[in-house]
N, C-alpha and C. Protein backbone atom coordinates (compact mmCIF):
# COMPACT_ATOMS: atom_id res chain seq x y z
N CYS A 1 93.33 84.48 72.15
CA CYS A 1 94.72 84.12 72.07
C CYS A 1 95.15 84.10 73.69
N LEU A 2 94.26 84.64 74.63
CA LEU A 2 94.68 84.54 75.93
C LEU A 2 94.68 83.04 76.51
N ASN A 3 93.91 82.23 75.88
CA ASN A 3 93.84 80.81 76.24
C ASN A 3 95.23 79.99 76.23
N ILE A 4 96.20 80.61 75.40
CA ILE A 4 97.47 79.84 75.39
C ILE A 4 98.29 80.09 76.60
N PHE A 5 97.95 81.19 77.40
CA PHE A 5 98.69 81.63 78.53
C PHE A 5 98.17 80.87 79.83
N THR A 6 98.91 80.84 81.02
CA THR A 6 98.44 80.47 82.30
C THR A 6 97.57 81.53 82.64
N ALA A 7 96.85 81.20 83.79
CA ALA A 7 95.77 82.13 84.30
C ALA A 7 96.55 83.43 84.67
N GLU A 8 97.61 83.36 85.33
CA GLU A 8 98.34 84.52 85.77
C GLU A 8 98.78 85.38 84.73
N SER A 9 99.53 84.76 83.72
CA SER A 9 100.10 85.44 82.70
C SER A 9 99.03 85.91 81.72
N SER A 10 97.95 85.36 81.69
CA SER A 10 96.63 85.74 80.69
C SER A 10 96.24 87.06 81.34
N LYS A 11 96.20 87.22 82.71
CA LYS A 11 95.75 88.46 83.37
C LYS A 11 96.74 89.50 82.96
N ILE A 12 97.99 89.32 82.99
CA ILE A 12 99.07 90.37 82.68
C ILE A 12 98.96 90.72 81.26
N VAL A 13 98.79 89.74 80.21
CA VAL A 13 98.66 90.03 78.93
C VAL A 13 97.40 90.93 78.61
N ARG A 14 96.22 90.65 79.18
CA ARG A 14 95.03 91.48 79.11
C ARG A 14 95.23 92.78 79.60
N ARG A 15 95.94 93.10 80.74
CA ARG A 15 96.21 94.36 81.09
C ARG A 15 97.08 95.08 80.07
N HIS A 16 98.02 94.35 79.43
CA HIS A 16 98.88 95.04 78.36
C HIS A 16 98.01 95.42 77.23
N PHE A 17 97.12 94.47 76.81
CA PHE A 17 96.18 94.91 75.75
C PHE A 17 95.46 96.12 76.01
N GLU A 18 95.07 96.19 77.21
CA GLU A 18 94.12 97.41 77.66
C GLU A 18 94.93 98.74 77.69
N THR A 19 96.22 98.71 77.99
CA THR A 19 97.05 99.80 78.18
C THR A 19 97.85 100.14 77.10
N CYS A 20 98.01 99.26 76.04
CA CYS A 20 99.05 99.50 74.86
C CYS A 20 98.42 100.61 74.18
N THR A 21 99.29 101.65 74.01
CA THR A 21 98.83 102.90 73.30
C THR A 21 99.71 103.15 72.08
N THR A 22 100.86 102.46 71.93
CA THR A 22 101.78 102.63 70.96
C THR A 22 101.60 101.88 69.67
N ASP A 23 102.03 102.46 68.48
CA ASP A 23 101.95 101.77 67.24
C ASP A 23 103.14 101.05 66.79
N ILE A 24 104.30 101.19 67.73
CA ILE A 24 105.51 100.46 67.34
C ILE A 24 105.50 99.26 68.39
N PRO A 25 106.24 98.23 67.80
CA PRO A 25 106.38 96.98 68.65
C PRO A 25 106.96 97.24 69.98
N VAL A 26 106.29 96.66 71.03
CA VAL A 26 106.76 96.97 72.27
C VAL A 26 107.10 95.62 73.02
N PRO A 27 108.38 95.44 73.46
CA PRO A 27 108.78 94.14 74.10
C PRO A 27 108.18 94.25 75.46
N PHE A 28 107.76 93.22 75.94
CA PHE A 28 107.19 93.10 77.22
C PHE A 28 108.30 92.76 78.27
N ASP A 29 108.44 93.46 79.34
CA ASP A 29 109.53 93.08 80.27
C ASP A 29 109.35 91.93 81.07
N GLU A 30 108.14 91.32 81.51
CA GLU A 30 107.96 90.31 82.40
C GLU A 30 108.04 88.97 81.47
N LEU A 31 108.64 87.98 81.95
CA LEU A 31 108.58 86.53 81.45
C LEU A 31 107.27 86.02 81.75
N LEU A 32 106.68 85.55 80.73
CA LEU A 32 105.25 84.98 80.93
C LEU A 32 105.40 83.47 80.76
N ILE A 33 104.25 82.74 81.10
CA ILE A 33 104.16 81.37 81.02
C ILE A 33 102.95 81.07 79.98
N ALA A 34 103.50 80.37 78.84
CA ALA A 34 102.43 79.96 77.85
C ALA A 34 102.40 78.40 77.71
N ARG A 35 101.36 77.85 76.93
CA ARG A 35 101.39 76.44 76.72
C ARG A 35 101.68 76.16 75.27
N ASN A 36 102.69 75.28 75.05
CA ASN A 36 103.01 74.99 73.85
C ASN A 36 101.99 73.98 73.18
N CYS A 37 102.15 73.61 71.92
CA CYS A 37 101.02 72.77 71.17
C CYS A 37 100.79 71.47 71.94
N ALA A 38 101.80 71.01 72.66
CA ALA A 38 101.58 69.73 73.50
C ALA A 38 100.93 69.91 74.88
N GLY A 39 100.71 71.22 75.15
CA GLY A 39 100.13 71.56 76.42
C GLY A 39 101.11 71.73 77.48
N LYS A 40 102.35 71.70 77.26
CA LYS A 40 103.44 71.82 78.31
C LYS A 40 103.61 73.32 78.48
N GLU A 41 103.71 73.79 79.62
CA GLU A 41 104.05 75.14 80.07
C GLU A 41 105.46 75.53 79.77
N ILE A 42 105.56 76.76 79.01
CA ILE A 42 106.90 77.14 78.68
C ILE A 42 107.09 78.52 79.00
N PRO A 43 108.32 79.11 79.31
CA PRO A 43 108.48 80.46 79.62
C PRO A 43 108.60 81.22 78.13
N VAL A 44 107.92 82.32 78.03
CA VAL A 44 107.92 83.17 76.78
C VAL A 44 108.22 84.62 76.91
N GLU A 45 108.63 85.08 75.99
CA GLU A 45 108.80 86.66 75.84
C GLU A 45 107.87 87.13 74.98
N LEU A 46 107.20 88.20 75.26
CA LEU A 46 106.14 88.71 74.45
C LEU A 46 106.41 90.01 73.78
N THR A 47 106.21 90.28 72.67
CA THR A 47 106.34 91.61 72.10
C THR A 47 104.94 91.86 71.33
N MET A 48 104.32 93.11 71.63
CA MET A 48 103.06 93.36 71.17
C MET A 48 103.19 94.62 70.17
N HIS A 49 102.43 94.56 69.22
CA HIS A 49 102.42 95.76 68.20
C HIS A 49 100.98 96.08 67.94
N LYS A 50 100.51 97.24 68.20
CA LYS A 50 99.15 97.73 68.04
C LYS A 50 99.08 98.28 66.48
N VAL A 51 98.11 97.77 65.81
CA VAL A 51 98.14 98.32 64.36
C VAL A 51 96.61 98.72 64.28
N ARG A 52 96.59 100.02 63.84
CA ARG A 52 95.33 100.69 63.65
C ARG A 52 94.91 100.51 62.02
N LEU A 53 93.76 99.97 61.94
CA LEU A 53 93.24 99.76 60.53
C LEU A 53 91.98 100.73 60.37
N GLN A 54 91.56 100.92 59.20
CA GLN A 54 90.18 101.57 59.01
C GLN A 54 89.00 100.84 59.57
N SER A 55 89.10 99.45 59.68
CA SER A 55 88.05 98.75 60.28
C SER A 55 88.13 98.59 61.64
N GLY A 56 89.21 98.98 62.38
CA GLY A 56 89.34 98.77 63.76
C GLY A 56 90.88 98.64 64.07
N THR A 57 91.13 98.03 65.31
CA THR A 57 92.52 97.92 65.70
C THR A 57 92.84 96.46 65.76
N VAL A 58 94.08 96.12 65.42
CA VAL A 58 94.44 94.73 65.41
C VAL A 58 95.80 94.77 66.20
N PHE A 59 95.95 93.68 66.93
CA PHE A 59 97.24 93.54 67.80
C PHE A 59 97.97 92.44 67.16
N HIS A 60 99.32 92.62 67.02
CA HIS A 60 100.19 91.52 66.39
C HIS A 60 101.00 91.21 67.57
N ILE A 61 101.03 89.88 67.97
CA ILE A 61 101.79 89.40 69.02
C ILE A 61 102.92 88.49 68.53
N GLY A 62 104.14 88.56 69.02
CA GLY A 62 105.23 87.69 68.84
C GLY A 62 105.63 87.06 70.14
N LEU A 63 105.66 85.91 70.13
CA LEU A 63 106.10 85.17 71.37
C LEU A 63 107.50 84.39 71.10
N ARG A 64 108.34 84.52 72.08
CA ARG A 64 109.58 83.99 71.88
C ARG A 64 109.76 82.87 73.00
N ASP A 65 110.00 81.62 72.73
CA ASP A 65 110.19 80.52 73.64
C ASP A 65 111.46 80.75 74.18
N MET A 66 111.59 81.04 75.69
CA MET A 66 112.76 81.31 76.39
C MET A 66 113.35 79.97 77.20
N THR A 67 112.84 78.80 76.83
CA THR A 67 113.26 77.56 77.46
C THR A 67 114.72 77.49 77.45
N ASP A 68 115.20 77.41 76.18
CA ASP A 68 116.77 77.24 75.93
C ASP A 68 117.60 78.38 76.64
N ILE A 69 117.07 79.47 76.51
CA ILE A 69 117.83 80.64 77.09
C ILE A 69 117.91 80.41 78.60
N GLN A 70 116.65 80.11 79.19
CA GLN A 70 116.69 80.01 80.64
C GLN A 70 117.56 78.81 81.02
N ARG A 71 117.63 77.76 80.44
CA ARG A 71 118.43 76.60 80.61
C ARG A 71 119.88 76.93 80.66
N LEU A 72 120.21 77.73 79.52
CA LEU A 72 121.78 78.21 79.41
C LEU A 72 122.08 79.16 80.40
N GLU A 73 121.13 79.96 80.88
CA GLU A 73 121.53 80.96 82.06
C GLU A 73 121.59 80.07 83.36
N THR A 74 120.76 79.25 83.50
CA THR A 74 120.86 78.38 84.81
C THR A 74 122.26 77.53 84.79
N GLY A 75 122.47 77.01 83.65
CA GLY A 75 123.81 76.37 83.52
C GLY A 75 125.06 77.09 83.73
N LEU A 76 124.98 78.24 83.16
CA LEU A 76 126.07 79.35 83.24
C LEU A 76 126.20 79.70 84.75
N GLU A 77 125.04 80.01 85.51
CA GLU A 77 125.21 80.42 86.74
C GLU A 77 125.74 79.30 87.69
N GLU A 78 125.39 77.88 87.53
CA GLU A 78 125.81 76.86 88.17
C GLU A 78 127.32 76.61 87.93
N THR A 79 127.65 76.82 86.70
CA THR A 79 129.20 76.73 86.39
C THR A 79 129.92 77.84 87.09
N ARG A 80 129.48 79.11 86.95
CA ARG A 80 130.01 80.32 87.52
C ARG A 80 130.35 79.91 89.07
N GLU A 81 129.26 79.46 89.81
CA GLU A 81 129.35 79.08 91.10
C GLU A 81 130.35 78.08 91.49
N GLN A 82 130.48 77.03 90.62
CA GLN A 82 131.35 75.95 90.80
C GLN A 82 132.84 76.49 90.53
N VAL A 83 132.98 77.37 89.55
CA VAL A 83 134.27 78.03 89.44
C VAL A 83 134.78 78.94 90.40
N ASP A 84 133.95 79.88 90.75
CA ASP A 84 134.08 80.85 91.74
C ASP A 84 134.00 80.72 93.28
N GLU A 85 133.09 79.71 93.44
CA GLU A 85 132.88 79.49 94.91
C GLU A 85 133.42 77.95 95.39
N PRO A 86 134.67 78.12 95.78
CA PRO A 86 135.22 76.82 96.09
C PRO A 86 134.39 76.13 97.16
N VAL A 87 134.53 74.92 97.51
CA VAL A 87 133.97 74.14 98.42
C VAL A 87 134.41 74.81 99.74
N PRO A 88 133.63 74.56 100.87
CA PRO A 88 133.86 75.05 102.09
C PRO A 88 135.25 74.79 102.62
N GLN A 89 135.69 73.63 102.43
CA GLN A 89 137.08 73.26 102.86
C GLN A 89 137.93 73.89 102.04
N MET A 90 137.99 74.08 100.75
CA MET A 90 138.91 74.98 100.11
C MET A 90 138.88 76.26 100.49
N ARG A 91 137.80 76.83 100.77
CA ARG A 91 137.60 78.27 101.21
C ARG A 91 138.31 78.33 102.56
N ARG A 92 138.27 77.36 103.43
CA ARG A 92 138.86 77.48 104.70
C ARG A 92 140.33 77.31 104.70
N SER A 93 140.82 76.57 103.75
CA SER A 93 142.21 76.25 103.44
C SER A 93 142.77 77.71 102.71
N PHE A 94 142.15 78.25 101.86
CA PHE A 94 142.58 79.54 101.18
C PHE A 94 142.59 80.54 102.32
N GLY A 95 141.58 80.56 103.19
CA GLY A 95 141.62 81.51 104.26
C GLY A 95 142.79 81.35 105.07
N ARG A 96 143.16 80.13 105.54
CA ARG A 96 144.46 80.02 106.23
C ARG A 96 145.63 80.46 105.52
N PHE A 97 145.74 80.15 104.29
CA PHE A 97 146.84 80.63 103.50
C PHE A 97 146.97 82.17 103.54
N ILE A 98 145.94 82.70 103.27
CA ILE A 98 145.74 84.26 103.30
C ILE A 98 146.23 84.78 104.75
N LYS A 99 145.73 84.24 105.71
CA LYS A 99 146.02 84.51 107.09
C LYS A 99 147.65 84.50 107.30
N GLU A 100 148.14 83.23 107.00
CA GLU A 100 149.50 83.15 107.05
C GLU A 100 150.35 84.21 106.27
N ARG A 101 149.93 84.51 105.04
CA ARG A 101 150.49 85.54 104.26
C ARG A 101 150.34 86.85 104.83
N LEU A 102 149.10 87.18 105.39
CA LEU A 102 149.01 88.58 105.96
C LEU A 102 149.75 88.62 107.28
N SER A 103 149.83 87.50 107.94
CA SER A 103 150.78 87.37 109.22
C SER A 103 152.19 87.70 108.70
N ALA A 104 152.78 87.05 107.81
CA ALA A 104 153.98 87.30 107.28
C ALA A 104 154.22 88.77 106.96
N LEU A 105 153.33 89.22 106.18
CA LEU A 105 153.29 90.69 105.85
C LEU A 105 153.54 91.54 107.00
N ALA A 106 152.74 91.21 108.20
CA ALA A 106 152.91 92.10 109.32
C ALA A 106 154.07 91.99 110.16
N GLY A 107 155.09 91.00 109.56
CA GLY A 107 156.26 90.88 110.30
C GLY A 107 156.36 89.81 111.28
N GLU A 108 155.21 89.05 111.47
CA GLU A 108 155.27 87.93 112.46
C GLU A 108 156.31 86.85 111.96
N THR A 109 156.19 86.61 110.82
CA THR A 109 157.32 85.45 110.27
C THR A 109 157.70 86.10 108.82
N GLY A 110 158.98 85.99 108.48
CA GLY A 110 159.28 86.38 107.26
C GLY A 110 159.29 85.18 106.14
N ASP A 111 158.87 85.48 105.03
CA ASP A 111 158.96 84.29 104.02
C ASP A 111 158.95 84.88 102.57
N GLN A 112 158.94 83.96 101.74
CA GLN A 112 159.00 84.47 100.20
C GLN A 112 157.97 85.15 99.62
N PHE A 113 156.82 85.17 100.26
CA PHE A 113 155.56 85.62 99.68
C PHE A 113 155.48 87.03 100.07
N GLU A 114 156.29 87.72 100.96
CA GLU A 114 156.10 89.01 101.32
C GLU A 114 155.92 90.03 100.27
N GLU A 115 156.82 89.92 99.29
CA GLU A 115 156.81 90.70 98.02
C GLU A 115 155.62 90.71 97.36
N LEU A 116 155.08 89.48 97.18
CA LEU A 116 153.70 89.35 96.44
C LEU A 116 152.61 89.91 97.20
N LEU A 117 152.56 89.72 98.49
CA LEU A 117 151.46 90.27 99.19
C LEU A 117 151.44 91.82 99.16
N LEU A 118 152.55 92.43 99.09
CA LEU A 118 152.69 93.79 99.01
C LEU A 118 152.01 94.34 97.84
N LYS A 119 151.81 93.57 96.75
CA LYS A 119 151.21 94.00 95.55
C LYS A 119 149.58 94.02 95.73
N LEU A 120 149.06 93.25 96.67
CA LEU A 120 147.68 93.32 96.87
C LEU A 120 147.20 94.75 97.06
N THR A 121 146.17 95.17 96.61
CA THR A 121 145.45 96.30 96.79
C THR A 121 144.81 96.41 98.23
N PRO A 122 144.59 97.45 98.83
CA PRO A 122 143.71 97.56 100.04
C PRO A 122 142.44 96.87 99.84
N ARG A 123 141.65 97.01 98.73
CA ARG A 123 140.48 96.34 98.43
C ARG A 123 140.50 94.80 98.42
N GLU A 124 141.64 94.19 97.82
CA GLU A 124 142.01 92.99 97.72
C GLU A 124 142.36 92.23 99.16
N VAL A 125 143.05 93.00 99.86
CA VAL A 125 143.28 92.54 101.33
C VAL A 125 141.98 92.64 102.14
N GLU A 126 141.01 93.50 101.92
CA GLU A 126 139.75 93.53 102.55
C GLU A 126 139.00 92.31 102.19
N ILE A 127 139.05 91.98 100.83
CA ILE A 127 138.22 90.81 100.39
C ILE A 127 138.88 89.55 100.86
N CYS A 128 140.20 89.55 101.12
CA CYS A 128 140.87 88.46 101.64
C CYS A 128 140.31 88.03 103.00
N ARG A 129 140.12 89.10 103.74
CA ARG A 129 139.51 88.98 105.05
C ARG A 129 138.08 88.45 105.15
N TYR A 130 137.26 88.83 104.10
CA TYR A 130 136.05 88.33 104.17
C TYR A 130 136.01 86.77 103.63
N ILE A 131 136.87 86.50 102.82
CA ILE A 131 137.14 85.13 102.27
C ILE A 131 137.42 84.25 103.55
N GLU A 132 138.50 84.69 104.28
CA GLU A 132 138.82 84.14 105.61
C GLU A 132 137.72 83.93 106.43
N ALA A 133 136.78 84.70 106.51
CA ALA A 133 135.59 84.73 107.33
C ALA A 133 134.57 83.66 106.66
N GLY A 134 134.76 83.12 105.52
CA GLY A 134 133.93 82.25 104.95
C GLY A 134 132.71 82.85 104.13
N LYS A 135 132.80 84.18 103.77
CA LYS A 135 131.77 84.83 103.13
C LYS A 135 131.88 84.38 101.55
N SER A 136 130.71 84.33 101.00
CA SER A 136 130.43 83.98 99.54
C SER A 136 130.87 85.22 98.72
N THR A 137 131.13 84.96 97.39
CA THR A 137 131.33 86.06 96.54
C THR A 137 130.03 87.16 96.61
N GLU A 138 128.81 86.65 96.46
CA GLU A 138 127.82 87.48 96.41
C GLU A 138 127.64 88.23 97.69
N ARG A 139 127.94 87.68 98.93
CA ARG A 139 127.65 88.27 100.19
C ARG A 139 128.82 89.34 100.20
N ILE A 140 130.08 89.06 99.79
CA ILE A 140 131.15 90.11 99.88
C ILE A 140 130.79 91.20 98.97
N GLY A 141 130.20 90.92 97.92
CA GLY A 141 129.75 92.06 97.08
C GLY A 141 128.73 93.01 97.72
N GLU A 142 127.70 92.32 98.37
CA GLU A 142 126.83 93.21 99.11
C GLU A 142 127.40 93.98 100.19
N LEU A 143 128.24 93.36 101.07
CA LEU A 143 129.02 94.00 102.10
C LEU A 143 129.75 95.31 101.59
N LEU A 144 130.45 95.22 100.50
CA LEU A 144 131.12 96.18 99.89
C LEU A 144 130.33 97.14 98.88
N SER A 145 129.21 96.79 98.64
CA SER A 145 128.52 97.50 97.65
C SER A 145 129.16 97.48 96.35
N ILE A 146 129.52 96.34 95.89
CA ILE A 146 130.13 96.11 94.55
C ILE A 146 129.53 94.93 93.95
N THR A 147 129.57 94.70 92.68
CA THR A 147 128.94 93.60 91.93
C THR A 147 129.65 92.27 92.26
N ALA A 148 128.97 91.11 92.17
CA ALA A 148 129.74 89.88 92.29
C ALA A 148 130.86 89.62 91.28
N ASP A 149 130.56 90.17 90.12
CA ASP A 149 131.61 90.10 89.05
C ASP A 149 132.90 90.88 89.54
N THR A 150 132.65 92.02 90.13
CA THR A 150 133.94 92.84 90.55
C THR A 150 134.58 91.91 91.65
N VAL A 151 133.90 91.32 92.53
CA VAL A 151 134.54 90.55 93.67
C VAL A 151 135.34 89.33 92.95
N ARG A 152 134.69 88.72 91.92
CA ARG A 152 135.26 87.75 91.22
C ARG A 152 136.64 88.02 90.66
N THR A 153 136.58 89.22 90.04
CA THR A 153 137.80 89.76 89.41
C THR A 153 138.85 89.90 90.51
N HIS A 154 138.58 90.54 91.76
CA HIS A 154 139.51 90.62 92.76
C HIS A 154 139.99 89.34 93.25
N ARG A 155 139.13 88.45 93.31
CA ARG A 155 139.57 86.90 93.71
C ARG A 155 140.46 86.32 92.82
N LYS A 156 140.13 86.67 91.34
CA LYS A 156 141.19 86.23 90.46
C LYS A 156 142.58 86.75 90.58
N ASN A 157 142.56 88.21 90.74
CA ASN A 157 143.81 88.87 91.13
C ASN A 157 144.56 88.45 92.33
N ILE A 158 143.82 88.10 93.40
CA ILE A 158 144.42 87.48 94.58
C ILE A 158 145.10 86.21 94.38
N ARG A 159 144.31 85.27 93.57
CA ARG A 159 145.04 83.98 93.34
C ARG A 159 146.21 84.05 92.51
N ARG A 160 146.18 85.08 91.51
CA ARG A 160 147.29 85.35 90.70
C ARG A 160 148.47 85.73 91.51
């Protein structure tokens, strides 16, 4: 059965055969590459079940084709980037807007947005400064030790 896997994946599966000690199905954490009936390489998820019989040990292997799931995850990530990461010009424009509003808040000029800016949390103001500096959602998350999803939530609140 190792022939259906690429050389690298075959080595990983062989090691799993040798070290599998459980009698319950074990999902394998790594994504492997196998060849479908047409010979095309596809990503697969492996689950292995070791069955002890009187005449010996048998391994039951389940493979799940992950092609569609990977395609959906890639599409979702691309869509998320398009929605959450404005083009550089929009980011600069948003940064200028935030800077103007923060200046107004500091009393440099009074305007109608002061009341709204007072509703920003200290974290949202901090994120505004990173946006103004041109940092991406992922980079802001790294700098603040928070997830990119949390940064996206703050960005939505800021825009609101």
